[in-house]
């Protein structure tokens, strides 16, 4: 991330990227521009690679039992793109993707954030419906929705924040009494608020006071000490302290 930010600032003096999306868009487009001669040799364009990566990310995120990597053969079967093999190899050459595996070749993006960027690009390009229920249940889509929140409308981000707050309230007593493991959906929603709403503080304005009191109540509760192992695992207190920057 530090390297990507440094490259962005070099190319855009005196300016930082406004969002994660802008940061990754800059890097990926730069990589493809630098590799344009190689792409021309295989008769592919930068836009071909961008579109293929977008379709791959969307396919991976919406195929059951597929995580952040997938067998290339399975990908070919799902996407029906005659030139997909060439595009995948071009992505590897441009350091946007990795190919590995022993018994079968497996595809993954070079960085998890690249997968999130392309998944969000698919939402934009095809006006896909987002699933807010992924915030408390699906870490892949939750992180992608953090990226999406950087470019979404104020109303959309506010709706996602409100949904997250309702989940947090539902599990409030578990959190206050130290039963952190039983309240993992709320933990995921707190993480979403921390990551998605820090650059969009207006999205939590309507419940900022209640969130502030909730954080104070949880941190003051001595029962949290009982949940030492859970706290170590999910770094719950640190999460709350960082979240307090929002309020």
C-alpha atoms as a PDB file:
ATOM      1  CA  UNK A   1       0.000   0.000   0.000  1.00  0.00           C
ATOM      2  CA  UNK A   2       2.815   2.405   0.875  1.00  0.00           C
ATOM      3  CA  UNK A   3       4.486   1.649  -2.456  1.00  0.00           C
ATOM      4  CA  UNK A   4       1.272   2.267  -4.385  1.00  0.00           C
ATOM      5  CA  UNK A   5       0.705   5.570  -2.582  1.00  0.00           C
ATOM      6  CA  UNK A   6       4.298   6.634  -3.297  1.00  0.00           C
ATOM      7  CA  UNK A   7       3.853   5.873  -6.994  1.00  0.00           C
ATOM      8  CA  UNK A   8       0.580   7.797  -7.042  1.00  0.00           C
ATOM      9  CA  UNK A   9       2.195  10.872  -5.468  1.00  0.00           C
ATOM     10  CA  UNK A  10       5.135  10.729  -7.890  1.00  0.00           C
ATOM     11  CA  UNK A  11       2.708  10.821 -10.820  1.00  0.00           C
ATOM     12  CA  UNK A  12       0.359  13.310  -9.118  1.00  0.00           C
ATOM     13  CA  UNK A  13       2.568  15.794  -7.208  1.00  0.00           C
ATOM     14  CA  UNK A  14       1.067  17.345  -4.069  1.00  0.00           C
ATOM     15  CA  UNK A  15      -2.002  15.102  -4.228  1.00  0.00           C
ATOM     16  CA  UNK A  16      -3.070  11.958  -2.402  1.00  0.00           C
ATOM     17  CA  UNK A  17      -5.655   9.527  -3.809  1.00  0.00           C
ATOM     18  CA  UNK A  18      -9.171  10.278  -2.619  1.00  0.00           C
ATOM     19  CA  UNK A  19     -10.183   6.620  -2.330  1.00  0.00           C
ATOM     20  CA  UNK A  20      -8.844   3.073  -2.427  1.00  0.00           C
ATOM     21  CA  UNK A  21     -10.485   2.798  -5.837  1.00  0.00           C
ATOM     22  CA  UNK A  22      -8.497   5.740  -7.220  1.00  0.00           C
ATOM     23  CA  UNK A  23      -5.271   4.324  -5.806  1.00  0.00           C
ATOM     24  CA  UNK A  24      -5.658   0.906  -7.421  1.00  0.00           C
ATOM     25  CA  UNK A  25      -7.051   2.337 -10.651  1.00  0.00           C
ATOM     26  CA  UNK A  26      -3.935   4.482 -11.015  1.00  0.00           C
ATOM     27  CA  UNK A  27      -1.530   1.610 -10.378  1.00  0.00           C
ATOM     28  CA  UNK A  28      -3.286  -0.943 -12.589  1.00  0.00           C
ATOM     29  CA  UNK A  29      -3.696   1.425 -15.523  1.00  0.00           C
ATOM     30  CA  UNK A  30      -0.052   2.461 -15.190  1.00  0.00           C
ATOM     31  CA  UNK A  31       1.099  -1.165 -15.255  1.00  0.00           C
ATOM     32  CA  UNK A  32      -0.905  -1.855 -18.393  1.00  0.00           C
ATOM     33  CA  UNK A  33       0.368   1.291 -20.140  1.00  0.00           C
ATOM     34  CA  UNK A  34       3.941   0.222 -19.412  1.00  0.00           C
ATOM     35  CA  UNK A  35       3.239  -3.212 -20.911  1.00  0.00           C
ATOM     36  CA  UNK A  36       1.394  -1.983 -23.987  1.00  0.00           C
ATOM     37  CA  UNK A  37       4.048  -3.257 -26.447  1.00  0.00           C
ATOM     38  CA  UNK A  38       3.805  -6.763 -25.026  1.00  0.00           C
ATOM     39  CA  UNK A  39       0.019  -6.624 -25.156  1.00  0.00           C
ATOM     40  CA  UNK A  40       0.167  -5.543 -28.796  1.00  0.00           C
ATOM     41  CA  UNK A  41       2.253  -8.613 -29.614  1.00  0.00           C
ATOM     42  CA  UNK A  42      -0.555 -10.903 -28.450  1.00  0.00           C
ATOM     43  CA  UNK A  43      -3.169  -8.615 -30.030  1.00  0.00           C
ATOM     44  CA  UNK A  44      -4.712  -7.525 -26.746  1.00  0.00           C
ATOM     45  CA  UNK A  45      -5.417  -4.041 -25.451  1.00  0.00           C
ATOM     46  CA  UNK A  46      -5.272  -2.636 -21.937  1.00  0.00           C
ATOM     47  CA  UNK A  47      -9.058  -2.423 -22.021  1.00  0.00           C
ATOM     48  CA  UNK A  48      -9.249  -6.134 -22.927  1.00  0.00           C
ATOM     49  CA  UNK A  49      -7.253  -6.951 -19.783  1.00  0.00           C
ATOM     50  CA  UNK A  50      -9.262  -4.588 -17.587  1.00  0.00           C
ATOM     51  CA  UNK A  51     -12.537  -6.090 -18.798  1.00  0.00           C
ATOM     52  CA  UNK A  52     -11.273  -9.668 -18.427  1.00  0.00           C
ATOM     53  CA  UNK A  53     -10.024  -9.000 -14.886  1.00  0.00           C
ATOM     54  CA  UNK A  54     -13.364  -7.413 -14.035  1.00  0.00           C
ATOM     55  CA  UNK A  55     -15.269 -10.452 -15.313  1.00  0.00           C
ATOM     56  CA  UNK A  56     -12.909 -12.836 -13.505  1.00  0.00           C
ATOM     57  CA  UNK A  57     -13.333 -11.029 -10.187  1.00  0.00           C
ATOM     58  CA  UNK A  58     -17.114 -10.979 -10.532  1.00  0.00           C
ATOM     59  CA  UNK A  59     -17.131 -14.683 -11.426  1.00  0.00           C
ATOM     60  CA  UNK A  60     -14.915 -15.614  -8.473  1.00  0.00           C
ATOM     61  CA  UNK A  61     -16.917 -13.548  -5.993  1.00  0.00           C
ATOM     62  CA  UNK A  62     -20.188 -15.067  -7.121  1.00  0.00           C
ATOM     63  CA  UNK A  63     -19.223 -18.724  -7.548  1.00  0.00           C
ATOM     64  CA  UNK A  64     -19.949 -20.956  -4.523  1.00  0.00           C
ATOM     65  CA  UNK A  65     -16.978 -22.634  -2.866  1.00  0.00           C
ATOM     66  CA  UNK A  66     -14.476 -20.368  -4.628  1.00  0.00           C
ATOM     67  CA  UNK A  67     -12.272 -18.197  -2.460  1.00  0.00           C
ATOM     68  CA  UNK A  68      -9.553 -15.838  -3.649  1.00  0.00           C
ATOM     69  CA  UNK A  69      -8.074 -18.360  -6.071  1.00  0.00           C
ATOM     70  CA  UNK A  70      -9.570 -20.671  -8.660  1.00  0.00           C
ATOM     71  CA  UNK A  71      -8.393 -23.381 -11.041  1.00  0.00           C
ATOM     72  CA  UNK A  72      -7.790 -21.889 -14.476  1.00  0.00           C
ATOM     73  CA  UNK A  73      -9.703 -24.742 -16.111  1.00  0.00           C
ATOM     74  CA  UNK A  74     -12.712 -24.036 -13.900  1.00  0.00           C
ATOM     75  CA  UNK A  75     -12.476 -20.365 -14.821  1.00  0.00           C
ATOM     76  CA  UNK A  76     -12.426 -21.225 -18.529  1.00  0.00           C
ATOM     77  CA  UNK A  77     -15.517 -23.384 -18.098  1.00  0.00           C
ATOM     78  CA  UNK A  78     -17.387 -20.648 -16.243  1.00  0.00           C
ATOM     79  CA  UNK A  79     -16.538 -17.725 -18.518  1.00  0.00           C
ATOM     80  CA  UNK A  80     -16.596 -19.148 -22.076  1.00  0.00           C
ATOM     81  CA  UNK A  81     -13.977 -16.692 -23.343  1.00  0.00           C
ATOM     82  CA  UNK A  82     -11.837 -18.183 -26.105  1.00  0.00           C
ATOM     83  CA  UNK A  83      -8.965 -15.799 -25.366  1.00  0.00           C
ATOM     84  CA  UNK A  84      -9.164 -15.991 -21.598  1.00  0.00           C
ATOM     85  CA  UNK A  85      -5.985 -18.077 -21.364  1.00  0.00           C
ATOM     86  CA  UNK A  86      -4.007 -15.378 -23.184  1.00  0.00           C
ATOM     87  CA  UNK A  87      -5.550 -12.670 -21.024  1.00  0.00           C
ATOM     88  CA  UNK A  88      -4.692 -14.517 -17.827  1.00  0.00           C
ATOM     89  CA  UNK A  89      -1.077 -14.875 -18.948  1.00  0.00           C
ATOM     90  CA  UNK A  90      -0.986 -11.165 -19.823  1.00  0.00           C
ATOM     91  CA  UNK A  91      -2.270 -10.353 -16.332  1.00  0.00           C
ATOM     92  CA  UNK A  92       0.504 -12.441 -14.818  1.00  0.00           C
ATOM     93  CA  UNK A  93       3.121 -10.711 -16.988  1.00  0.00           C
ATOM     94  CA  UNK A  94       1.779  -7.314 -15.905  1.00  0.00           C
ATOM     95  CA  UNK A  95       1.975  -8.455 -12.260  1.00  0.00           C
ATOM     96  CA  UNK A  96      -1.765  -8.170 -11.746  1.00  0.00           C
ATOM     97  CA  UNK A  97      -2.244 -11.893 -11.196  1.00  0.00           C
ATOM     98  CA  UNK A  98      -0.457 -15.053 -10.098  1.00  0.00           C
ATOM     99  CA  UNK A  99      -0.536 -18.540 -11.571  1.00  0.00           C
ATOM    100  CA  UNK A 100       0.449 -21.423  -9.336  1.00  0.00           C
ATOM    101  CA  UNK A 101      -0.449 -24.922  -8.309  1.00  0.00           C
ATOM    102  CA  UNK A 102       1.066 -28.386  -8.681  1.00  0.00           C
ATOM    103  CA  UNK A 103      -1.516 -30.794 -10.068  1.00  0.00           C
ATOM    104  CA  UNK A 104      -3.556 -28.005 -11.695  1.00  0.00           C
ATOM    105  CA  UNK A 105      -2.909 -24.384 -12.570  1.00  0.00           C
ATOM    106  CA  UNK A 106      -4.597 -21.938 -10.229  1.00  0.00           C
ATOM    107  CA  UNK A 107      -5.330 -18.246 -10.751  1.00  0.00           C
ATOM    108  CA  UNK A 108      -5.335 -15.530  -8.110  1.00  0.00           C
ATOM    109  CA  UNK A 109      -4.947 -11.780  -8.224  1.00  0.00           C
ATOM    110  CA  UNK A 110      -1.520 -10.493  -7.179  1.00  0.00           C
ATOM    111  CA  UNK A 111      -3.113  -8.772  -4.201  1.00  0.00           C
ATOM    112  CA  UNK A 112      -6.473  -9.212  -2.514  1.00  0.00           C
ATOM    113  CA  UNK A 113      -7.135  -5.506  -3.025  1.00  0.00           C
ATOM    114  CA  UNK A 114      -6.878  -5.969  -6.783  1.00  0.00           C
ATOM    115  CA  UNK A 115      -9.683  -8.537  -6.614  1.00  0.00           C
ATOM    116  CA  UNK A 116     -11.775  -6.049  -4.611  1.00  0.00           C
ATOM    117  CA  UNK A 117     -11.066  -3.267  -7.101  1.00  0.00           C
ATOM    118  CA  UNK A 118     -12.186  -5.365 -10.055  1.00  0.00           C
ATOM    119  CA  UNK A 119     -15.264  -6.646  -8.206  1.00  0.00           C
ATOM    120  CA  UNK A 120     -16.275  -3.037  -7.550  1.00  0.00           C
ATOM    121  CA  UNK A 121     -15.528  -2.189 -11.174  1.00  0.00           C
ATOM    122  CA  UNK A 122     -18.000  -4.916 -12.149  1.00  0.00           C
ATOM    123  CA  UNK A 123     -20.644  -3.366  -9.890  1.00  0.00           C
ATOM    124  CA  UNK A 124     -20.079  -0.035 -11.615  1.00  0.00           C
ATOM    125  CA  UNK A 125     -19.849  -1.338 -15.169  1.00  0.00           C
ATOM    126  CA  UNK A 126     -22.904  -3.564 -15.025  1.00  0.00           C
ATOM    127  CA  UNK A 127     -24.898  -1.651 -12.387  1.00  0.00           C
ATOM    128  CA  UNK A 128     -24.971  -4.779 -10.242  1.00  0.00           C
ATOM    129  CA  UNK A 129     -27.045  -4.964  -7.077  1.00  0.00           C
ATOM    130  CA  UNK A 130     -24.910  -5.017  -3.940  1.00  0.00           C
ATOM    131  CA  UNK A 131     -25.733  -7.359  -1.075  1.00  0.00           C
ATOM    132  CA  UNK A 132     -25.495  -5.505   2.227  1.00  0.00           C
ATOM    133  CA  UNK A 133     -26.005  -8.811   4.093  1.00  0.00           C
ATOM    134  CA  UNK A 134     -22.426  -9.674   3.137  1.00  0.00           C
ATOM    135  CA  UNK A 135     -21.091  -7.104   5.622  1.00  0.00           C
ATOM    136  CA  UNK A 136     -21.630  -9.320   8.715  1.00  0.00           C
ATOM    137  CA  UNK A 137     -21.175 -12.666   6.920  1.00  0.00           C
ATOM    138  CA  UNK A 138     -18.723 -12.560   3.991  1.00  0.00           C
ATOM    139  CA  UNK A 139     -15.246 -11.080   4.462  1.00  0.00           C
ATOM    140  CA  UNK A 140     -14.524 -10.924   0.721  1.00  0.00           C
ATOM    141  CA  UNK A 141     -17.584  -8.887  -0.136  1.00  0.00           C
ATOM    142  CA  UNK A 142     -17.330  -6.845   3.066  1.00  0.00           C
ATOM    143  CA  UNK A 143     -13.858  -5.637   2.078  1.00  0.00           C
ATOM    144  CA  UNK A 144     -15.025  -5.032  -1.482  1.00  0.00           C
ATOM    145  CA  UNK A 145     -17.883  -2.919  -0.143  1.00  0.00           C
ATOM    146  CA  UNK A 146     -15.320  -0.832   1.751  1.00  0.00           C
ATOM    147  CA  UNK A 147     -13.737  -0.019  -1.623  1.00  0.00           C
ATOM    148  CA  UNK A 148     -17.193   0.543  -3.105  1.00  0.00           C
ATOM    149  CA  UNK A 149     -18.083   2.984  -0.334  1.00  0.00           C
ATOM    150  CA  UNK A 150     -15.354   5.300  -1.548  1.00  0.00           C
ATOM    151  CA  UNK A 151     -17.160   5.901  -4.837  1.00  0.00           C
ATOM    152  CA  UNK A 152     -20.795   5.236  -3.901  1.00  0.00           C
ATOM    153  CA  UNK A 153     -23.343   7.993  -3.380  1.00  0.00           C
ATOM    154  CA  UNK A 154     -23.911   9.521   0.055  1.00  0.00           C
ATOM    155  CA  UNK A 155     -27.287   7.796   0.254  1.00  0.00           C
ATOM    156  CA  UNK A 156     -25.821   4.365  -0.529  1.00  0.00           C
ATOM    157  CA  UNK A 157     -23.044   4.666   2.053  1.00  0.00           C
ATOM    158  CA  UNK A 158     -25.507   5.964   4.646  1.00  0.00           C
ATOM    159  CA  UNK A 159     -27.770   2.960   4.014  1.00  0.00           C
ATOM    160  CA  UNK A 160     -24.856   0.517   4.423  1.00  0.00           C
ATOM    161  CA  UNK A 161     -23.768   2.278   7.621  1.00  0.00           C
ATOM    162  CA  UNK A 162     -27.322   2.192   9.005  1.00  0.00           C
ATOM    163  CA  UNK A 163     -27.613  -1.512   8.258  1.00  0.00           C
ATOM    164  CA  UNK A 164     -24.312  -2.153  10.046  1.00  0.00           C
ATOM    165  CA  UNK A 165     -25.430  -0.152  13.065  1.00  0.00           C
ATOM    166  CA  UNK A 166     -28.620  -2.213  13.351  1.00  0.00           C
ATOM    167  CA  UNK A 167     -26.550  -5.417  13.430  1.00  0.00           C
ATOM    168  CA  UNK A 168     -24.280  -3.906  16.089  1.00  0.00           C
ATOM    169  CA  UNK A 169     -27.259  -2.943  18.238  1.00  0.00           C
ATOM    170  CA  UNK A 170     -28.660  -6.453  17.920  1.00  0.00           C
ATOM    171  CA  UNK A 171     -25.466  -7.871  19.457  1.00  0.00           C
ATOM    172  CA  UNK A 172     -24.770  -5.009  21.859  1.00  0.00           C
ATOM    173  CA  UNK A 173     -25.377  -6.993  25.056  1.00  0.00           C
ATOM    174  CA  UNK A 174     -23.039  -9.793  23.966  1.00  0.00           C
ATOM    175  CA  UNK A 175     -20.319  -7.252  23.272  1.00  0.00           C
ATOM    176  CA  UNK A 176     -20.821  -5.387  26.551  1.00  0.00           C
ATOM    177  CA  UNK A 177     -20.667  -8.610  28.541  1.00  0.00           C
ATOM    178  CA  UNK A 178     -17.495  -9.798  26.818  1.00  0.00           C
ATOM    179  CA  UNK A 179     -19.079 -12.542  24.705  1.00  0.00           C
ATOM    180  CA  UNK A 180     -17.138 -11.367  21.679  1.00  0.00           C
ATOM    181  CA  UNK A 181     -17.155 -14.662  19.813  1.00  0.00           C
ATOM    182  CA  UNK A 182     -20.963 -14.776  19.921  1.00  0.00           C
ATOM    183  CA  UNK A 183     -21.126 -11.301  18.422  1.00  0.00           C
ATOM    184  CA  UNK A 184     -18.852 -11.767  15.395  1.00  0.00           C
ATOM    185  CA  UNK A 185     -21.439 -10.345  12.946  1.00  0.00           C
ATOM    186  CA  UNK A 186     -21.327  -7.113  14.944  1.00  0.00           C
ATOM    187  CA  UNK A 187     -17.514  -7.194  15.002  1.00  0.00           C
ATOM    188  CA  UNK A 188     -17.506  -7.382  11.206  1.00  0.00           C
ATOM    189  CA  UNK A 189     -19.940  -4.462  11.036  1.00  0.00           C
ATOM    190  CA  UNK A 190     -17.754  -2.401  13.376  1.00  0.00           C
ATOM    191  CA  UNK A 191     -14.808  -3.092  11.097  1.00  0.00           C
ATOM    192  CA  UNK A 192     -16.875  -1.994   8.127  1.00  0.00           C
ATOM    193  CA  UNK A 193     -17.778   1.287   9.832  1.00  0.00           C
ATOM    194  CA  UNK A 194     -14.138   1.874  10.731  1.00  0.00           C
ATOM    195  CA  UNK A 195     -12.821   1.226   7.206  1.00  0.00           C
ATOM    196  CA  UNK A 196     -15.650   2.510   5.033  1.00  0.00           C
ATOM    197  CA  UNK A 197     -16.899   5.512   6.971  1.00  0.00           C
ATOM    198  CA  UNK A 198     -13.724   7.256   8.099  1.00  0.00           C
ATOM    199  CA  UNK A 199     -13.495   9.087   4.751  1.00  0.00           C
ATOM    200  CA  UNK A 200     -17.321   9.442   4.690  1.00  0.00           C
ATOM    201  CA  UNK A 201     -18.148  10.608   8.262  1.00  0.00           C
ATOM    202  CA  UNK A 202     -21.453  12.102   7.169  1.00  0.00           C
ATOM    203  CA  UNK A 203     -22.745   8.555   6.685  1.00  0.00           C
ATOM    204  CA  UNK A 204     -22.909   7.933  10.464  1.00  0.00           C
ATOM    205  CA  UNK A 205     -24.078  11.400  11.490  1.00  0.00           C
ATOM    206  CA  UNK A 206     -27.579  10.175  12.370  1.00  0.00           C
ATOM    207  CA  UNK A 207     -26.285   7.641  14.941  1.00  0.00           C
ATOM    208  CA  UNK A 208     -22.874   9.079  15.897  1.00  0.00           C
ATOM    209  CA  UNK A 209     -23.988   9.902  19.459  1.00  0.00           C
ATOM    210  CA  UNK A 210     -25.344   6.406  20.076  1.00  0.00           C
ATOM    211  CA  UNK A 211     -22.214   4.838  18.603  1.00  0.00           C
ATOM    212  CA  UNK A 212     -20.049   6.991  20.865  1.00  0.00           C
ATOM    213  CA  UNK A 213     -21.955   5.911  23.966  1.00  0.00           C
ATOM    214  CA  UNK A 214     -21.824   2.282  22.855  1.00  0.00           C
ATOM    215  CA  UNK A 215     -18.015   2.392  22.545  1.00  0.00           C
ATOM    216  CA  UNK A 216     -17.669   4.005  25.974  1.00  0.00           C
ATOM    217  CA  UNK A 217     -19.983   1.425  27.556  1.00  0.00           C
ATOM    218  CA  UNK A 218     -18.088  -1.510  26.049  1.00  0.00           C
ATOM    219  CA  UNK A 219     -14.629  -0.229  26.934  1.00  0.00           C
ATOM    220  CA  UNK A 220     -15.683   0.487  30.519  1.00  0.00           C
ATOM    221  CA  UNK A 221     -17.131  -2.970  31.038  1.00  0.00           C
ATOM    222  CA  UNK A 222     -14.787  -5.046  33.200  1.00  0.00           C
ATOM    223  CA  UNK A 223     -16.338  -8.272  31.885  1.00  0.00           C
ATOM    224  CA  UNK A 224     -14.261  -7.809  28.749  1.00  0.00           C
ATOM    225  CA  UNK A 225     -11.283  -9.064  30.712  1.00  0.00           C
ATOM    226  CA  UNK A 226     -12.942 -12.469  30.845  1.00  0.00           C
ATOM    227  CA  UNK A 227     -12.844 -12.611  27.067  1.00  0.00           C
ATOM    228  CA  UNK A 228      -9.076 -12.185  26.889  1.00  0.00           C
ATOM    229  CA  UNK A 229      -8.490 -14.909  24.298  1.00  0.00           C
ATOM    230  CA  UNK A 230     -11.233 -13.647  22.005  1.00  0.00           C
ATOM    231  CA  UNK A 231      -9.982 -10.099  22.358  1.00  0.00           C
ATOM    232  CA  UNK A 232      -6.498 -11.172  21.386  1.00  0.00           C
ATOM    233  CA  UNK A 233      -7.809 -12.918  18.319  1.00  0.00           C
ATOM    234  CA  UNK A 234     -10.013 -10.163  16.928  1.00  0.00           C
ATOM    235  CA  UNK A 235      -8.200  -7.211  18.518  1.00  0.00           C
ATOM    236  CA  UNK A 236     -11.540  -5.901  19.626  1.00  0.00           C
ATOM    237  CA  UNK A 237     -10.364  -3.112  21.908  1.00  0.00           C
ATOM    238  CA  UNK A 238      -8.000  -1.765  19.260  1.00  0.00           C
ATOM    239  CA  UNK A 239     -10.857  -1.822  16.786  1.00  0.00           C
ATOM    240  CA  UNK A 240     -13.014   0.263  19.123  1.00  0.00           C
ATOM    241  CA  UNK A 241     -10.231   2.755  19.787  1.00  0.00           C
ATOM    242  CA  UNK A 242      -9.674   3.225  16.069  1.00  0.00           C
ATOM    243  CA  UNK A 243     -13.384   3.481  15.457  1.00  0.00           C
ATOM    244  CA  UNK A 244     -13.580   6.258  18.044  1.00  0.00           C
ATOM    245  CA  UNK A 245     -11.694   8.490  15.562  1.00  0.00           C
ATOM    246  CA  UNK A 246     -14.972   8.703  13.671  1.00  0.00           C
ATOM    247  CA  UNK A 247     -16.755  10.354  16.555  1.00  0.00           C
END
